[in-house]
C-alpha cells in the first residue's frame, strides 16, 4: 500500500506532465493529449522533449546543426519521429 508521500509524488508528477503538455501545445499545433502520447511512446524525458523543441525552433541554426543537436539528446530522434507521424 503506497504511503502518503508516494501518493503526493505521483500527483505532482501527473500535474507537471499535464502542465508541460499544455505549455508545449500552446506553442505548437499539437494538442495536450498528442504531446503526452509522444512523450509516453518515445520514452523521452519531459526536459529532453522541451530541449528537442528548443533546438528545432532555433532560427539561428542550420538544419544540419539542429539535427546534430537533437541527435545528442537522449531519445530526441525518437520523439521527432513521433512528432512527424502526428503532423503527416
PDB file of N, CA and C in Angstrom:
ATOM      1  N   UNK A   1       0.847  -1.185   0.000  1.00  0.00           N
ATOM      2  CA  UNK A   1       0.000   0.000   0.000  1.00  0.00           C
ATOM      3  C   UNK A   1       0.890   1.245   0.000  1.00  0.00           C
ATOM      4  N   UNK A   2       0.688   2.140  -0.978  1.00  0.00           N
ATOM      5  CA  UNK A   2       1.524   3.334  -1.055  1.00  0.00           C
ATOM      6  C   UNK A   2       1.296   4.251   0.145  1.00  0.00           C
ATOM      7  N   UNK A   3       2.356   4.890   0.577  1.00  0.00           N
ATOM      8  CA  UNK A   3       2.189   5.830   1.679  1.00  0.00           C
ATOM      9  C   UNK A   3       1.781   7.205   1.135  1.00  0.00           C
ATOM     10  N   UNK A   4       1.557   8.139   2.053  1.00  0.00           N
ATOM     11  CA  UNK A   4       1.093   9.479   1.658  1.00  0.00           C
ATOM     12  C   UNK A   4       2.090  10.173   0.730  1.00  0.00           C
ATOM     13  N   UNK A   5       3.382  10.003   1.002  1.00  0.00           N
ATOM     14  CA  UNK A   5       4.405  10.674   0.210  1.00  0.00           C
ATOM     15  C   UNK A   5       4.422  10.157  -1.223  1.00  0.00           C
ATOM     16  N   UNK A   6       4.249   8.850  -1.378  1.00  0.00           N
ATOM     17  CA  UNK A   6       4.196   8.285  -2.726  1.00  0.00           C
ATOM     18  C   UNK A   6       3.011   8.842  -3.499  1.00  0.00           C
ATOM     19  N   UNK A   7       1.886   8.942  -2.825  1.00  0.00           N
ATOM     20  CA  UNK A   7       0.681   9.469  -3.472  1.00  0.00           C
ATOM     21  C   UNK A   7       0.880  10.934  -3.877  1.00  0.00           C
ATOM     22  N   UNK A   8       1.466  11.715  -2.981  1.00  0.00           N
ATOM     23  CA  UNK A   8       1.718  13.131  -3.269  1.00  0.00           C
ATOM     24  C   UNK A   8       2.696  13.264  -4.435  1.00  0.00           C
ATOM     25  N   UNK A   9       3.739  12.439  -4.437  1.00  0.00           N
ATOM     26  CA  UNK A   9       4.725  12.481  -5.521  1.00  0.00           C
ATOM     27  C   UNK A   9       4.083  12.105  -6.850  1.00  0.00           C
ATOM     28  N   UNK A  10       3.231  11.085  -6.859  1.00  0.00           N
ATOM     29  CA  UNK A  10       2.546  10.688  -8.086  1.00  0.00           C
ATOM     30  C   UNK A  10       1.633  11.791  -8.601  1.00  0.00           C
ATOM     31  N   UNK A  11       0.911  12.435  -7.694  1.00  0.00           N
ATOM     32  CA  UNK A  11       0.015  13.527  -8.090  1.00  0.00           C
ATOM     33  C   UNK A  11       0.806  14.712  -8.645  1.00  0.00           C
ATOM     34  N   UNK A  12       1.943  15.011  -8.029  1.00  0.00           N
ATOM     35  CA  UNK A  12       2.785  16.112  -8.511  1.00  0.00           C
ATOM     36  C   UNK A  12       3.349  15.798  -9.886  1.00  0.00           C
ATOM     37  N   UNK A  13       3.754  14.548 -10.101  1.00  0.00           N
ATOM     38  CA  UNK A  13       4.275  14.132 -11.398  1.00  0.00           C
ATOM     39  C   UNK A  13       3.211  14.272 -12.483  1.00  0.00           C
ATOM     40  N   UNK A  14       2.002  13.839 -12.194  1.00  0.00           N
ATOM     41  CA  UNK A  14       0.906  13.945 -13.158  1.00  0.00           C
ATOM     42  C   UNK A  14       0.609  15.409 -13.474  1.00  0.00           C
ATOM     43  N   UNK A  15       0.611  16.252 -12.448  1.00  0.00           N
ATOM     44  CA  UNK A  15       0.335  17.678 -12.660  1.00  0.00           C
ATOM     45  C   UNK A  15       1.430  18.329 -13.493  1.00  0.00           C
ATOM     46  N   UNK A  16       2.673  17.954 -13.247  1.00  0.00           N
ATOM     47  CA  UNK A  16       3.787  18.502 -14.011  1.00  0.00           C
ATOM     48  C   UNK A  16       3.692  18.093 -15.470  1.00  0.00           C
ATOM     49  N   UNK A  17       3.387  16.828 -15.712  1.00  0.00           N
ATOM     50  CA  UNK A  17       3.240  16.351 -17.088  1.00  0.00           C
ATOM     51  C   UNK A  17       2.118  17.087 -17.802  1.00  0.00           C
ATOM     52  N   UNK A  18       1.006  17.279 -17.125  1.00  0.00           N
ATOM     53  CA  UNK A  18      -0.132  17.971 -17.737  1.00  0.00           C
ATOM     54  C   UNK A  18       0.216  19.428 -18.046  1.00  0.00           C
ATOM     55  N   UNK A  19       0.909  20.084 -17.133  1.00  0.00           N
ATOM     56  CA  UNK A  19       1.300  21.476 -17.341  1.00  0.00           C
ATOM     57  C   UNK A  19       2.260  21.603 -18.516  1.00  0.00           C
ATOM     58  N   UNK A  20       3.242  20.718 -18.582  1.00  0.00           N
ATOM     59  CA  UNK A  20       4.196  20.763 -19.693  1.00  0.00           C
ATOM     60  C   UNK A  20       3.490  20.525 -21.018  1.00  0.00           C
ATOM     61  N   UNK A  21       2.628  19.528 -21.058  1.00  0.00           N
ATOM     62  CA  UNK A  21       1.905  19.246 -22.296  1.00  0.00           C
ATOM     63  C   UNK A  21       1.091  20.459 -22.724  1.00  0.00           C
ATOM     64  N   UNK A  22       0.460  21.125 -21.775  1.00  0.00           N
ATOM     65  CA  UNK A  22      -0.342  22.304 -22.082  1.00  0.00           C
ATOM     66  C   UNK A  22       0.524  23.436 -22.616  1.00  0.00           C
ATOM     67  N   UNK A  23       1.681  23.660 -22.002  1.00  0.00           N
ATOM     68  CA  UNK A  23       2.566  24.732 -22.450  1.00  0.00           C
ATOM     69  C   UNK A  23       3.131  24.439 -23.833  1.00  0.00           C
ATOM     70  N   UNK A  24       3.516  23.200 -24.077  1.00  0.00           N
ATOM     71  CA  UNK A  24       4.056  22.839 -25.387  1.00  0.00           C
ATOM     72  C   UNK A  24       2.976  22.945 -26.453  1.00  0.00           C
ATOM     73  N   UNK A  25       1.778  22.477 -26.140  1.00  0.00           N
ATOM     74  CA  UNK A  25       0.717  22.530 -27.139  1.00  0.00           C
ATOM     75  C   UNK A  25       0.345  23.969 -27.488  1.00  0.00           C
ATOM     76  N   UNK A  26       0.549  24.890 -26.545  1.00  0.00           N
ATOM     77  CA  UNK A  26       0.252  26.293 -26.842  1.00  0.00           C
ATOM     78  C   UNK A  26       1.263  26.869 -27.833  1.00  0.00           C
ATOM     79  N   UNK A  27       2.440  26.238 -27.956  1.00  0.00           N
ATOM     80  CA  UNK A  27       3.470  26.694 -28.880  1.00  0.00           C
ATOM     81  C   UNK A  27       3.438  25.959 -30.213  1.00  0.00           C
ATOM     82  N   UNK A  28       2.673  24.886 -30.287  1.00  0.00           N
ATOM     83  CA  UNK A  28       2.614  24.068 -31.494  1.00  0.00           C
ATOM     84  C   UNK A  28       1.162  23.872 -31.906  1.00  0.00           C
ATOM     85  N   UNK A  29       0.968  23.146 -32.993  1.00  0.00           N
ATOM     86  CA  UNK A  29      -0.392  22.820 -33.416  1.00  0.00           C
ATOM     87  C   UNK A  29      -0.850  21.505 -32.801  1.00  0.00           C
ATOM     88  N   UNK A  30      -0.008  20.891 -31.985  1.00  0.00           N
ATOM     89  CA  UNK A  30      -0.375  19.628 -31.350  1.00  0.00           C
ATOM     90  C   UNK A  30      -1.216  19.876 -30.103  1.00  0.00           C
ATOM     91  N   UNK A  31      -2.103  18.949 -29.814  1.00  0.00           N
ATOM     92  CA  UNK A  31      -2.957  19.030 -28.628  1.00  0.00           C
ATOM     93  C   UNK A  31      -2.235  18.428 -27.429  1.00  0.00           C
ATOM     94  N   UNK A  32      -2.711  18.781 -26.225  1.00  0.00           N
ATOM     95  CA  UNK A  32      -2.100  18.261 -24.998  1.00  0.00           C
ATOM     96  C   UNK A  32      -2.001  16.748 -25.022  1.00  0.00           C
ATOM     97  N   UNK A  33      -3.073  16.085 -25.442  1.00  0.00           N
ATOM     98  CA  UNK A  33      -3.079  14.621 -25.449  1.00  0.00           C
ATOM     99  C   UNK A  33      -2.071  14.054 -26.432  1.00  0.00           C
ATOM    100  N   UNK A  34      -1.866  14.754 -27.551  1.00  0.00           N
ATOM    101  CA  UNK A  34      -0.880  14.311 -28.532  1.00  0.00           C
ATOM    102  C   UNK A  34       0.542  14.464 -27.993  1.00  0.00           C
ATOM    103  N   UNK A  35       0.794  15.559 -27.297  1.00  0.00           N
ATOM    104  CA  UNK A  35       2.106  15.777 -26.684  1.00  0.00           C
ATOM    105  C   UNK A  35       2.378  14.687 -25.658  1.00  0.00           C
ATOM    106  N   UNK A  36       1.407  14.434 -24.803  1.00  0.00           N
ATOM    107  CA  UNK A  36       1.572  13.396 -23.780  1.00  0.00           C
ATOM    108  C   UNK A  36       1.815  12.034 -24.417  1.00  0.00           C
ATOM    109  N   UNK A  37       1.125  11.736 -25.505  1.00  0.00           N
ATOM    110  CA  UNK A  37       1.309  10.452 -26.194  1.00  0.00           C
ATOM    111  C   UNK A  37       2.699  10.347 -26.803  1.00  0.00           C
ATOM    112  N   UNK A  38       3.208  11.430 -27.365  1.00  0.00           N
ATOM    113  CA  UNK A  38       4.553  11.438 -27.952  1.00  0.00           C
ATOM    114  C   UNK A  38       5.591  11.180 -26.870  1.00  0.00           C
ATOM    115  N   UNK A  39       5.464  11.861 -25.751  1.00  0.00           N
ATOM    116  CA  UNK A  39       6.403  11.682 -24.645  1.00  0.00           C
ATOM    117  C   UNK A  39       6.348  10.246 -24.141  1.00  0.00           C
ATOM    118  N   UNK A  40       5.155   9.727 -23.986  1.00  0.00           N
ATOM    119  CA  UNK A  40       4.983   8.355 -23.498  1.00  0.00           C
ATOM    120  C   UNK A  40       5.546   7.333 -24.488  1.00  0.00           C
ATOM    121  N   UNK A  41       5.188   7.472 -25.754  1.00  0.00           N
ATOM    122  CA  UNK A  41       5.587   6.483 -26.750  1.00  0.00           C
ATOM    123  C   UNK A  41       7.089   6.503 -27.017  1.00  0.00           C
ATOM    124  N   UNK A  42       7.680   7.684 -27.075  1.00  0.00           N
ATOM    125  CA  UNK A  42       9.114   7.772 -27.369  1.00  0.00           C
ATOM    126  C   UNK A  42       9.972   7.485 -26.146  1.00  0.00           C
ATOM    127  N   UNK A  43       9.384   7.628 -24.959  1.00  0.00           N
ATOM    128  CA  UNK A  43      10.139   7.383 -23.736  1.00  0.00           C
ATOM    129  C   UNK A  43      11.078   8.516 -23.357  1.00  0.00           C
ATOM    130  N   UNK A  44      10.919   9.663 -23.993  1.00  0.00           N
ATOM    131  CA  UNK A  44      11.789  10.803 -23.717  1.00  0.00           C
ATOM    132  C   UNK A  44      11.390  11.474 -22.405  1.00  0.00           C
ATOM    133  N   UNK A  45      12.362  12.020 -21.712  1.00  0.00           N
ATOM    134  CA  UNK A  45      12.079  12.785 -20.500  1.00  0.00           C
ATOM    135  C   UNK A  45      11.468  14.117 -20.909  1.00  0.00           C
ATOM    136  N   UNK A  46      10.645  14.675 -20.048  1.00  0.00           N
ATOM    137  CA  UNK A  46       9.985  15.948 -20.345  1.00  0.00           C
ATOM    138  C   UNK A  46      11.004  17.051 -20.646  1.00  0.00           C
ATOM    139  N   UNK A  47      12.075  17.091 -19.858  1.00  0.00           N
ATOM    140  CA  UNK A  47      13.086  18.130 -20.054  1.00  0.00           C
ATOM    141  C   UNK A  47      13.763  17.968 -21.416  1.00  0.00           C
ATOM    142  N   UNK A  48      14.009  16.709 -21.790  1.00  0.00           N
ATOM    143  CA  UNK A  48      14.648  16.446 -23.076  1.00  0.00           C
ATOM    144  C   UNK A  48      13.712  16.791 -24.236  1.00  0.00           C
ATOM    145  N   UNK A  49      12.425  16.529 -24.057  1.00  0.00           N
ATOM    146  CA  UNK A  49      11.452  16.873 -25.096  1.00  0.00           C
ATOM    147  C   UNK A  49      11.435  18.386 -25.309  1.00  0.00           C
ATOM    148  N   UNK A  50      11.454  19.127 -24.215  1.00  0.00           N
ATOM    149  CA  UNK A  50      11.497  20.586 -24.320  1.00  0.00           C
ATOM    150  C   UNK A  50      12.783  21.034 -25.021  1.00  0.00           C
ATOM    151  N   UNK A  51      13.888  20.347 -24.741  1.00  0.00           N
ATOM    152  CA  UNK A  51      15.162  20.683 -25.390  1.00  0.00           C
ATOM    153  C   UNK A  51      15.100  20.403 -26.889  1.00  0.00           C
ATOM    154  N   UNK A  52      14.445  19.316 -27.277  1.00  0.00           N
ATOM    155  CA  UNK A  52      14.278  18.998 -28.702  1.00  0.00           C
ATOM    156  C   UNK A  52      13.515  20.119 -29.396  1.00  0.00           C
ATOM    157  N   UNK A  53      12.407  20.524 -28.804  1.00  0.00           N
ATOM    158  CA  UNK A  53      11.608  21.599 -29.406  1.00  0.00           C
ATOM    159  C   UNK A  53      12.405  22.900 -29.494  1.00  0.00           C
ATOM    160  N   UNK A  54      13.203  23.175 -28.464  1.00  0.00           N
ATOM    161  CA  UNK A  54      14.025  24.395 -28.474  1.00  0.00           C
ATOM    162  C   UNK A  54      15.015  24.355 -29.633  1.00  0.00           C
ATOM    163  N   UNK A  55      15.644  23.211 -29.835  1.00  0.00           N
ATOM    164  CA  UNK A  55      16.614  23.080 -30.931  1.00  0.00           C
ATOM    165  C   UNK A  55      15.931  23.239 -32.287  1.00  0.00           C
ATOM    166  N   UNK A  56      14.787  22.614 -32.446  1.00  0.00           N
ATOM    167  CA  UNK A  56      14.075  22.667 -33.728  1.00  0.00           C
ATOM    168  C   UNK A  56      13.638  24.091 -34.050  1.00  0.00           C
ATOM    169  N   UNK A  57      13.242  24.837 -33.039  1.00  0.00           N
ATOM    170  CA  UNK A  57      12.751  26.191 -33.264  1.00  0.00           C
ATOM    171  C   UNK A  57      13.856  27.245 -33.341  1.00  0.00           C
ATOM    172  N   UNK A  58      15.099  26.862 -33.086  1.00  0.00           N
ATOM    173  CA  UNK A  58      16.214  27.813 -33.104  1.00  0.00           C
ATOM    174  C   UNK A  58      16.483  28.283 -34.532  1.00  0.00           C
ATOM    175  N   UNK A  59      16.079  29.486 -34.828  1.00  0.00           N
ATOM    176  CA  UNK A  59      16.201  30.035 -36.181  1.00  0.00           C
ATOM    177  C   UNK A  59      17.637  30.367 -36.555  1.00  0.00           C
ATOM    178  N   UNK A  60      18.534  30.412 -35.588  1.00  0.00           N
ATOM    179  CA  UNK A  60      19.915  30.773 -35.884  1.00  0.00           C
ATOM    180  C   UNK A  60      20.742  29.579 -36.364  1.00  0.00           C
ATOM    181  N   UNK A  61      20.206  28.362 -36.225  1.00  0.00           N
ATOM    182  CA  UNK A  61      20.960  27.163 -36.599  1.00  0.00           C
ATOM    183  C   UNK A  61      20.516  26.621 -37.948  1.00  0.00           C
ATOM    184  N   UNK A  62      21.443  26.012 -38.642  1.00  0.00           N
ATOM    185  CA  UNK A  62      21.113  25.325 -39.896  1.00  0.00           C
ATOM    186  C   UNK A  62      20.414  24.016 -39.564  1.00  0.00           C
ATOM    187  N   UNK A  63      19.801  23.411 -40.564  1.00  0.00           N
ATOM    188  CA  UNK A  63      19.147  22.117 -40.340  1.00  0.00           C
ATOM    189  C   UNK A  63      20.144  21.059 -39.878  1.00  0.00           C
ATOM    190  N   UNK A  64      21.345  21.095 -40.432  1.00  0.00           N
ATOM    191  CA  UNK A  64      22.368  20.127 -40.038  1.00  0.00           C
ATOM    192  C   UNK A  64      22.754  20.313 -38.571  1.00  0.00           C
ATOM    193  N   UNK A  65      22.892  21.551 -38.145  1.00  0.00           N
ATOM    194  CA  UNK A  65      23.233  21.831 -36.747  1.00  0.00           C
ATOM    195  C   UNK A  65      22.105  21.392 -35.822  1.00  0.00           C
ATOM    196  N   UNK A  66      20.864  21.635 -36.249  1.00  0.00           N
ATOM    197  CA  UNK A  66      19.716  21.197 -35.456  1.00  0.00           C
ATOM    198  C   UNK A  66      19.693  19.676 -35.337  1.00  0.00           C
ATOM    199  N   UNK A  67      19.933  18.988 -36.453  1.00  0.00           N
ATOM    200  CA  UNK A  67      19.933  17.524 -36.454  1.00  0.00           C
ATOM    201  C   UNK A  67      21.012  16.978 -35.530  1.00  0.00           C
ATOM    202  N   UNK A  68      22.194  17.574 -35.574  1.00  0.00           N
ATOM    203  CA  UNK A  68      23.276  17.141 -34.684  1.00  0.00           C
ATOM    204  C   UNK A  68      22.922  17.360 -33.225  1.00  0.00           C
ATOM    205  N   UNK A  69      22.324  18.503 -32.914  1.00  0.00           N
ATOM    206  CA  UNK A  69      21.951  18.812 -31.534  1.00  0.00           C
ATOM    207  C   UNK A  69      20.875  17.856 -31.031  1.00  0.00           C
ATOM    208  N   UNK A  70      19.872  17.589 -31.859  1.00  0.00           N
ATOM    209  CA  UNK A  70      18.783  16.682 -31.461  1.00  0.00           C
ATOM    210  C   UNK A  70      19.307  15.260 -31.296  1.00  0.00           C
ATOM    211  N   UNK A  71      20.240  14.857 -32.140  1.00  0.00           N
ATOM    212  CA  UNK A  71      20.806  13.507 -32.054  1.00  0.00           C
ATOM    213  C   UNK A  71      21.528  13.282 -30.729  1.00  0.00           C
ATOM    214  N   UNK A  72      22.021  14.348 -30.124  1.00  0.00           N
ATOM    215  CA  UNK A  72      22.727  14.240 -28.849  1.00  0.00           C
ATOM    216  C   UNK A  72      21.794  14.185 -27.649  1.00  0.00           C
ATOM    217  N   UNK A  73      20.517  14.486 -27.851  1.00  0.00           N
ATOM    218  CA  UNK A  73      19.528  14.448 -26.773  1.00  0.00           C
ATOM    219  C   UNK A  73      18.997  13.023 -26.671  1.00  0.00           C
ATOM    220  N   UNK A  74      19.011  12.487 -25.461  1.00  0.00           N
ATOM    221  CA  UNK A  74      18.543  11.120 -25.237  1.00  0.00           C
ATOM    222  C   UNK A  74      17.110  10.950 -25.727  1.00  0.00           C
ATOM    223  N   UNK A  75      16.911  10.073 -26.686  1.00  0.00           N
ATOM    224  CA  UNK A  75      15.620   9.760 -27.303  1.00  0.00           C
ATOM    225  C   UNK A  75      15.041  10.939 -28.088  1.00  0.00           C
ATOM    226  N   UNK A  76      15.891  11.893 -28.436  1.00  0.00           N
ATOM    227  CA  UNK A  76      15.447  13.065 -29.179  1.00  0.00           C
ATOM    228  C   UNK A  76      14.944  12.716 -30.566  1.00  0.00           C
ATOM    229  N   UNK A  77      15.654  11.827 -31.249  1.00  0.00           N
ATOM    230  CA  UNK A  77      15.253  11.438 -32.603  1.00  0.00           C
ATOM    231  C   UNK A  77      13.925  10.676 -32.552  1.00  0.00           C
ATOM    232  N   UNK A  78      13.766   9.818 -31.570  1.00  0.00           N
ATOM    233  CA  UNK A  78      12.513   9.060 -31.443  1.00  0.00           C
ATOM    234  C   UNK A  78      11.327   9.994 -31.246  1.00  0.00           C
ATOM    235  N   UNK A  79      11.518  11.041 -30.462  1.00  0.00           N
ATOM    236  CA  UNK A  79      10.422  11.974 -30.261  1.00  0.00           C
ATOM    237  C   UNK A  79      10.118  12.765 -31.535  1.00  0.00           C
ATOM    238  N   UNK A  80      11.158  13.103 -32.311  1.00  0.00           N
ATOM    239  CA  UNK A  80      10.929  13.798 -33.580  1.00  0.00           C
ATOM    240  C   UNK A  80      10.158  12.923 -34.564  1.00  0.00           C
ATOM    241  N   UNK A  81      10.466  11.643 -34.566  1.00  0.00           N
ATOM    242  CA  UNK A  81       9.729  10.716 -35.434  1.00  0.00           C
ATOM    243  C   UNK A  81       8.253  10.695 -35.031  1.00  0.00           C
ATOM    244  N   UNK A  82       7.987  10.679 -33.754  1.00  0.00           N
ATOM    245  CA  UNK A  82       6.590  10.690 -33.281  1.00  0.00           C
ATOM    246  C   UNK A  82       5.893  12.005 -33.644  1.00  0.00           C
ATOM    247  N   UNK A  83       6.597  13.110 -33.530  1.00  0.00           N
ATOM    248  CA  UNK A  83       6.022  14.398 -33.918  1.00  0.00           C
ATOM    249  C   UNK A  83       5.699  14.394 -35.404  1.00  0.00           C
ATOM    250  N   UNK A  84       6.634  13.936 -36.206  1.00  0.00           N
ATOM    251  CA  UNK A  84       6.411  13.882 -37.660  1.00  0.00           C
ATOM    252  C   UNK A  84       5.232  12.983 -38.009  1.00  0.00           C
ATOM    253  N   UNK A  85       5.098  11.885 -37.305  1.00  0.00           N
ATOM    254  CA  UNK A  85       3.975  10.979 -37.542  1.00  0.00           C
ATOM    255  C   UNK A  85       2.650  11.680 -37.285  1.00  0.00           C
ATOM    256  N   UNK A  86       2.607  12.491 -36.246  1.00  0.00           N
ATOM    257  CA  UNK A  86       1.371  13.215 -35.918  1.00  0.00           C
ATOM    258  C   UNK A  86       1.065  14.302 -36.951  1.00  0.00           C
ATOM    259  N   UNK A  87       2.095  14.887 -37.512  1.00  0.00           N
ATOM    260  CA  UNK A  87       1.894  16.003 -38.438  1.00  0.00           C
ATOM    261  C   UNK A  87       1.622  15.554 -39.875  1.00  0.00           C
ATOM    262  N   UNK A  88       2.017  14.339 -40.227  1.00  0.00           N
ATOM    263  CA  UNK A  88       1.851  13.876 -41.590  1.00  0.00           C
ATOM    264  C   UNK A  88       0.606  13.031 -41.756  1.00  0.00           C
TER     265      UNK A  88
END
